[in-house]
Amino acid sequence: MAQVEGQQHPISIYFWVWGLLFVLSAGSYMVDYLQVQGYLRWTLIIIFMLLKAGFITAIFMHMIWERLAMTLAILVPTGVLLAFIALMSLEGDYTNITRETFFAPAPHVAVEHTVSH
């Protein structure tokens, strides 16, 4: 029986990415520590999150060393789902704005009731 040898990757790559994940996590925590608010806060958090997810997927899940067909088979459906989620979110906002505009309650008009005995 022929023995199939697996690919050997230098362990230094894993340590570099591990350290980089700690730096990105520290950056994510610094956003909270420095009390960054508004769109900048969420933009930074999402950037740090996507970078960490990308490094974990590429290096620790060995996607960077896979064939292109395997990489596309995993990443394309995920991208399509994310695009659909974004479109549904935009459509939901549009629906909510439309309902608030056209189905807003009428201004409150005080009506006096007379009571006859």
N, C-alpha and C. Protein backbone atom coordinates (compact mmCIF):
# COMPACT_ATOMS: atom_id res chain seq x y z
N MET A 1 0.83 -1.18 0.00
CA MET A 1 0.00 0.00 0.00
C MET A 1 0.87 1.24 0.00
N ALA A 2 0.51 2.16 -0.85
CA ALA A 2 1.26 3.40 -0.91
C ALA A 2 0.80 4.34 0.19
N GLN A 3 1.76 4.95 0.82
CA GLN A 3 1.43 5.88 1.90
C GLN A 3 1.35 7.29 1.32
N VAL A 4 0.23 7.94 1.56
CA VAL A 4 0.03 9.30 1.06
C VAL A 4 0.48 10.26 2.15
N GLU A 5 1.43 11.08 1.80
CA GLU A 5 1.91 12.04 2.78
C GLU A 5 1.13 13.34 2.66
N GLY A 6 0.72 13.87 3.79
CA GLY A 6 -0.01 15.12 3.80
C GLY A 6 0.92 16.30 3.66
N GLN A 7 0.34 17.43 3.37
CA GLN A 7 1.14 18.65 3.25
C GLN A 7 1.61 19.07 4.64
N GLN A 8 2.82 19.53 4.68
CA GLN A 8 3.37 20.05 5.93
C GLN A 8 3.48 21.56 5.82
N HIS A 9 2.86 22.25 6.72
CA HIS A 9 2.93 23.71 6.74
C HIS A 9 3.77 24.11 7.93
N PRO A 10 4.61 25.11 7.76
CA PRO A 10 5.43 25.54 8.89
C PRO A 10 4.56 25.99 10.06
N ILE A 11 4.93 25.59 11.24
CA ILE A 11 4.14 25.94 12.42
C ILE A 11 4.19 27.44 12.68
N SER A 12 5.21 28.10 12.15
CA SER A 12 5.31 29.56 12.36
C SER A 12 4.12 30.30 11.76
N ILE A 13 3.55 29.78 10.68
CA ILE A 13 2.37 30.42 10.08
C ILE A 13 1.21 30.42 11.07
N TYR A 14 1.03 29.29 11.75
CA TYR A 14 -0.06 29.19 12.72
C TYR A 14 0.17 30.13 13.90
N PHE A 15 1.41 30.24 14.35
CA PHE A 15 1.70 31.16 15.46
C PHE A 15 1.51 32.62 15.05
N TRP A 16 1.90 32.98 13.83
CA TRP A 16 1.69 34.34 13.35
C TRP A 16 0.20 34.67 13.29
N VAL A 17 -0.59 33.77 12.76
CA VAL A 17 -2.03 34.01 12.66
C VAL A 17 -2.65 34.03 14.05
N TRP A 18 -2.20 33.16 14.93
CA TRP A 18 -2.70 33.14 16.30
C TRP A 18 -2.44 34.48 16.98
N GLY A 19 -1.22 35.00 16.81
CA GLY A 19 -0.89 36.31 17.36
C GLY A 19 -1.72 37.41 16.73
N LEU A 20 -1.91 37.33 15.42
CA LEU A 20 -2.72 38.33 14.72
C LEU A 20 -4.16 38.30 15.21
N LEU A 21 -4.68 37.12 15.50
CA LEU A 21 -6.04 37.02 16.05
C LEU A 21 -6.13 37.69 17.41
N PHE A 22 -5.08 37.56 18.23
CA PHE A 22 -5.07 38.26 19.52
C PHE A 22 -5.05 39.77 19.32
N VAL A 23 -4.27 40.26 18.35
CA VAL A 23 -4.22 41.69 18.08
C VAL A 23 -5.58 42.19 17.59
N LEU A 24 -6.22 41.45 16.67
CA LEU A 24 -7.53 41.85 16.17
C LEU A 24 -8.58 41.82 17.28
N SER A 25 -8.50 40.83 18.17
CA SER A 25 -9.43 40.77 19.30
C SER A 25 -9.20 41.95 20.24
N ALA A 26 -7.93 42.30 20.48
CA ALA A 26 -7.63 43.45 21.32
C ALA A 26 -8.19 44.72 20.68
N GLY A 27 -8.09 44.85 19.37
CA GLY A 27 -8.67 46.00 18.69
C GLY A 27 -10.18 46.04 18.85
N SER A 28 -10.80 44.88 18.78
CA SER A 28 -12.26 44.80 18.95
C SER A 28 -12.65 45.23 20.37
N TYR A 29 -11.89 44.78 21.36
CA TYR A 29 -12.18 45.17 22.74
C TYR A 29 -11.88 46.65 22.98
N MET A 30 -10.89 47.19 22.29
CA MET A 30 -10.56 48.61 22.45
C MET A 30 -11.69 49.50 21.95
N VAL A 31 -12.44 49.02 20.96
CA VAL A 31 -13.60 49.80 20.49
C VAL A 31 -14.57 50.02 21.64
N ASP A 32 -14.80 48.98 22.45
CA ASP A 32 -15.67 49.12 23.63
C ASP A 32 -15.01 49.93 24.72
N TYR A 33 -13.72 49.67 24.97
CA TYR A 33 -13.02 50.35 26.05
C TYR A 33 -12.95 51.85 25.82
N LEU A 34 -12.72 52.24 24.57
CA LEU A 34 -12.64 53.67 24.24
C LEU A 34 -14.01 54.28 24.01
N GLN A 35 -15.05 53.49 24.13
CA GLN A 35 -16.44 53.91 24.02
C GLN A 35 -16.71 54.61 22.68
N VAL A 36 -16.24 53.99 21.61
CA VAL A 36 -16.53 54.50 20.27
C VAL A 36 -18.02 54.27 20.01
N GLN A 37 -18.69 55.26 19.47
CA GLN A 37 -20.14 55.16 19.27
C GLN A 37 -20.51 55.40 17.82
N GLY A 38 -21.74 55.06 17.48
CA GLY A 38 -22.29 55.35 16.16
C GLY A 38 -21.85 54.35 15.11
N TYR A 39 -21.85 54.84 13.86
CA TYR A 39 -21.52 53.97 12.73
C TYR A 39 -20.07 53.50 12.78
N LEU A 40 -19.18 54.34 13.31
CA LEU A 40 -17.77 53.95 13.40
C LEU A 40 -17.62 52.71 14.27
N ARG A 41 -18.36 52.65 15.36
CA ARG A 41 -18.29 51.49 16.27
C ARG A 41 -18.65 50.21 15.53
N TRP A 42 -19.78 50.22 14.84
CA TRP A 42 -20.24 49.01 14.18
C TRP A 42 -19.38 48.67 12.98
N THR A 43 -18.87 49.68 12.29
CA THR A 43 -17.97 49.42 11.17
C THR A 43 -16.70 48.74 11.66
N LEU A 44 -16.10 49.26 12.73
CA LEU A 44 -14.88 48.65 13.26
C LEU A 44 -15.13 47.23 13.76
N ILE A 45 -16.23 47.03 14.47
CA ILE A 45 -16.52 45.69 15.00
C ILE A 45 -16.70 44.70 13.86
N ILE A 46 -17.41 45.08 12.81
CA ILE A 46 -17.63 44.18 11.68
C ILE A 46 -16.33 43.92 10.92
N ILE A 47 -15.49 44.95 10.76
CA ILE A 47 -14.20 44.74 10.09
C ILE A 47 -13.34 43.76 10.88
N PHE A 48 -13.24 43.96 12.20
CA PHE A 48 -12.45 43.04 13.02
C PHE A 48 -13.02 41.62 12.95
N MET A 49 -14.35 41.50 13.00
CA MET A 49 -14.98 40.19 12.96
C MET A 49 -14.70 39.49 11.63
N LEU A 50 -14.85 40.20 10.52
CA LEU A 50 -14.62 39.58 9.21
C LEU A 50 -13.15 39.20 9.01
N LEU A 51 -12.23 40.05 9.49
CA LEU A 51 -10.82 39.70 9.39
C LEU A 51 -10.49 38.45 10.19
N LYS A 52 -11.00 38.37 11.41
CA LYS A 52 -10.74 37.18 12.23
C LYS A 52 -11.34 35.93 11.59
N ALA A 53 -12.57 36.03 11.10
CA ALA A 53 -13.21 34.88 10.45
C ALA A 53 -12.44 34.47 9.20
N GLY A 54 -11.96 35.45 8.45
CA GLY A 54 -11.19 35.15 7.24
C GLY A 54 -9.89 34.44 7.55
N PHE A 55 -9.15 34.91 8.55
CA PHE A 55 -7.90 34.25 8.91
C PHE A 55 -8.13 32.85 9.45
N ILE A 56 -9.16 32.68 10.26
CA ILE A 56 -9.45 31.34 10.80
C ILE A 56 -9.81 30.40 9.68
N THR A 57 -10.67 30.85 8.76
CA THR A 57 -11.07 30.00 7.64
C THR A 57 -9.89 29.70 6.73
N ALA A 58 -9.10 30.69 6.41
CA ALA A 58 -8.00 30.51 5.46
C ALA A 58 -6.89 29.63 6.03
N ILE A 59 -6.46 29.89 7.24
CA ILE A 59 -5.29 29.19 7.77
C ILE A 59 -5.67 27.97 8.59
N PHE A 60 -6.49 28.12 9.61
CA PHE A 60 -6.77 27.00 10.50
C PHE A 60 -7.68 25.95 9.87
N MET A 61 -8.51 26.37 8.91
CA MET A 61 -9.35 25.39 8.21
C MET A 61 -8.71 25.00 6.87
N HIS A 62 -7.48 25.47 6.64
CA HIS A 62 -6.67 25.08 5.47
C HIS A 62 -7.30 25.45 4.13
N MET A 63 -8.17 26.45 4.10
CA MET A 63 -8.80 26.83 2.83
C MET A 63 -7.80 27.47 1.87
N ILE A 64 -6.77 28.09 2.39
CA ILE A 64 -5.81 28.75 1.52
C ILE A 64 -5.02 27.73 0.68
N TRP A 65 -4.94 26.49 1.16
CA TRP A 65 -4.19 25.48 0.44
C TRP A 65 -5.09 24.53 -0.36
N GLU A 66 -6.40 24.80 -0.35
CA GLU A 66 -7.32 23.94 -1.10
C GLU A 66 -7.34 24.32 -2.57
N ARG A 67 -7.89 23.41 -3.37
CA ARG A 67 -8.07 23.73 -4.78
C ARG A 67 -9.13 24.81 -4.93
N LEU A 68 -9.08 25.52 -6.04
CA LEU A 68 -10.01 26.61 -6.29
C LEU A 68 -11.46 26.12 -6.31
N ALA A 69 -11.69 24.94 -6.87
CA ALA A 69 -13.06 24.41 -6.94
C ALA A 69 -13.64 24.20 -5.55
N MET A 70 -12.82 23.67 -4.64
CA MET A 70 -13.29 23.44 -3.27
C MET A 70 -13.55 24.76 -2.56
N THR A 71 -12.67 25.72 -2.75
CA THR A 71 -12.84 27.03 -2.13
C THR A 71 -14.10 27.71 -2.63
N LEU A 72 -14.31 27.67 -3.94
CA LEU A 72 -15.50 28.30 -4.51
C LEU A 72 -16.77 27.58 -4.07
N ALA A 73 -16.70 26.26 -3.92
CA ALA A 73 -17.88 25.50 -3.49
C ALA A 73 -18.32 25.87 -2.08
N ILE A 74 -17.40 26.39 -1.29
CA ILE A 74 -17.75 26.79 0.08
C ILE A 74 -18.07 28.28 0.15
N LEU A 75 -17.28 29.10 -0.54
CA LEU A 75 -17.42 30.54 -0.40
C LEU A 75 -18.55 31.15 -1.23
N VAL A 76 -18.82 30.63 -2.42
CA VAL A 76 -19.86 31.20 -3.27
C VAL A 76 -21.25 31.07 -2.65
N PRO A 77 -21.67 29.88 -2.19
CA PRO A 77 -22.99 29.81 -1.54
C PRO A 77 -23.11 30.71 -0.31
N THR A 78 -22.02 30.81 0.45
CA THR A 78 -22.04 31.70 1.62
C THR A 78 -22.22 33.14 1.19
N GLY A 79 -21.51 33.55 0.15
CA GLY A 79 -21.66 34.91 -0.37
C GLY A 79 -23.04 35.19 -0.89
N VAL A 80 -23.63 34.23 -1.57
CA VAL A 80 -24.99 34.40 -2.10
C VAL A 80 -25.98 34.55 -0.94
N LEU A 81 -25.83 33.73 0.10
CA LEU A 81 -26.72 33.85 1.27
C LEU A 81 -26.57 35.21 1.93
N LEU A 82 -25.35 35.70 2.06
CA LEU A 82 -25.15 37.01 2.66
C LEU A 82 -25.77 38.11 1.80
N ALA A 83 -25.69 37.97 0.48
CA ALA A 83 -26.32 38.95 -0.41
C ALA A 83 -27.84 38.93 -0.24
N PHE A 84 -28.42 37.73 -0.15
CA PHE A 84 -29.87 37.63 0.07
C PHE A 84 -30.27 38.24 1.40
N ILE A 85 -29.48 38.01 2.44
CA ILE A 85 -29.79 38.58 3.75
C ILE A 85 -29.75 40.11 3.67
N ALA A 86 -28.75 40.66 2.97
CA ALA A 86 -28.66 42.12 2.82
C ALA A 86 -29.87 42.66 2.06
N LEU A 87 -30.25 41.98 0.98
CA LEU A 87 -31.42 42.43 0.21
C LEU A 87 -32.69 42.36 1.03
N MET A 88 -32.87 41.30 1.81
CA MET A 88 -34.07 41.18 2.64
C MET A 88 -34.08 42.24 3.73
N SER A 89 -32.90 42.59 4.25
CA SER A 89 -32.83 43.64 5.25
C SER A 89 -33.25 44.98 4.67
N LEU A 90 -32.75 45.28 3.48
CA LEU A 90 -33.15 46.53 2.82
C LEU A 90 -34.64 46.55 2.50
N GLU A 91 -35.17 45.42 2.05
CA GLU A 91 -36.59 45.34 1.74
C GLU A 91 -37.43 45.48 3.00
N GLY A 92 -36.95 44.92 4.10
CA GLY A 92 -37.66 45.05 5.37
C GLY A 92 -37.70 46.49 5.84
N ASP A 93 -36.57 47.19 5.68
CA ASP A 93 -36.55 48.61 6.05
C ASP A 93 -37.52 49.41 5.18
N TYR A 94 -37.53 49.12 3.88
CA TYR A 94 -38.44 49.82 2.97
C TYR A 94 -39.90 49.57 3.39
N THR A 95 -40.22 48.32 3.70
CA THR A 95 -41.58 47.99 4.13
C THR A 95 -41.95 48.72 5.41
N ASN A 96 -41.03 48.76 6.35
CA ASN A 96 -41.30 49.44 7.61
C ASN A 96 -41.51 50.94 7.40
N ILE A 97 -40.67 51.55 6.59
CA ILE A 97 -40.83 52.98 6.30
C ILE A 97 -42.15 53.25 5.59
N THR A 98 -42.52 52.38 4.65
CA THR A 98 -43.78 52.54 3.93
C THR A 98 -44.97 52.43 4.88
N ARG A 99 -44.92 51.46 5.78
CA ARG A 99 -46.03 51.32 6.74
C ARG A 99 -46.13 52.52 7.65
N GLU A 100 -44.99 53.02 8.11
CA GLU A 100 -45.02 54.20 8.99
C GLU A 100 -45.55 55.43 8.25
N THR A 101 -45.26 55.52 6.96
CA THR A 101 -45.69 56.68 6.18
C THR A 101 -47.18 56.63 5.88
N PHE A 102 -47.67 55.50 5.39
CA PHE A 102 -49.04 55.43 4.90
C PHE A 102 -50.05 54.94 5.92
N PHE A 103 -49.59 54.27 6.96
CA PHE A 103 -50.53 53.75 7.96
C PHE A 103 -50.32 54.41 9.32
N ALA A 104 -49.77 55.59 9.31
CA ALA A 104 -49.56 56.30 10.57
C ALA A 104 -50.90 56.66 11.16
N PRO A 105 -51.01 56.61 12.46
CA PRO A 105 -52.29 56.98 13.07
C PRO A 105 -52.59 58.46 12.82
N ALA A 106 -53.86 58.74 12.66
CA ALA A 106 -54.30 60.12 12.43
C ALA A 106 -53.99 60.93 13.69
N PRO A 107 -53.77 62.22 13.50
CA PRO A 107 -53.52 63.06 14.69
C PRO A 107 -54.70 62.95 15.65
N HIS A 108 -54.37 62.94 16.92
CA HIS A 108 -55.40 62.78 17.94
C HIS A 108 -56.27 64.04 18.00
N VAL A 109 -57.54 63.85 17.83
CA VAL A 109 -58.49 64.95 17.88
C VAL A 109 -59.37 64.72 19.10
N ALA A 110 -59.37 65.71 19.97
CA ALA A 110 -60.18 65.59 21.16
C ALA A 110 -61.65 65.79 20.82
N VAL A 111 -62.48 64.88 21.23
CA VAL A 111 -63.92 64.96 20.98
C VAL A 111 -64.60 65.05 22.34
N GLU A 112 -65.41 66.06 22.47
CA GLU A 112 -66.13 66.21 23.73
C GLU A 112 -67.39 65.39 23.70
N HIS A 113 -67.59 64.67 24.74
CA HIS A 113 -68.82 63.88 24.86
C HIS A 113 -69.73 64.58 25.87
N THR A 114 -70.94 64.72 25.47
CA THR A 114 -71.91 65.30 26.40
C THR A 114 -72.72 64.17 27.00
N VAL A 115 -72.89 64.31 28.25
CA VAL A 115 -73.66 63.28 28.93
C VAL A 115 -75.01 63.90 29.32
N SER A 116 -76.07 63.28 28.87
CA SER A 116 -77.40 63.79 29.22
C SER A 116 -78.04 62.81 30.21
N HIS A 117 -78.63 63.39 31.20
CA HIS A 117 -79.30 62.56 32.19
C HIS A 117 -80.77 62.71 32.11
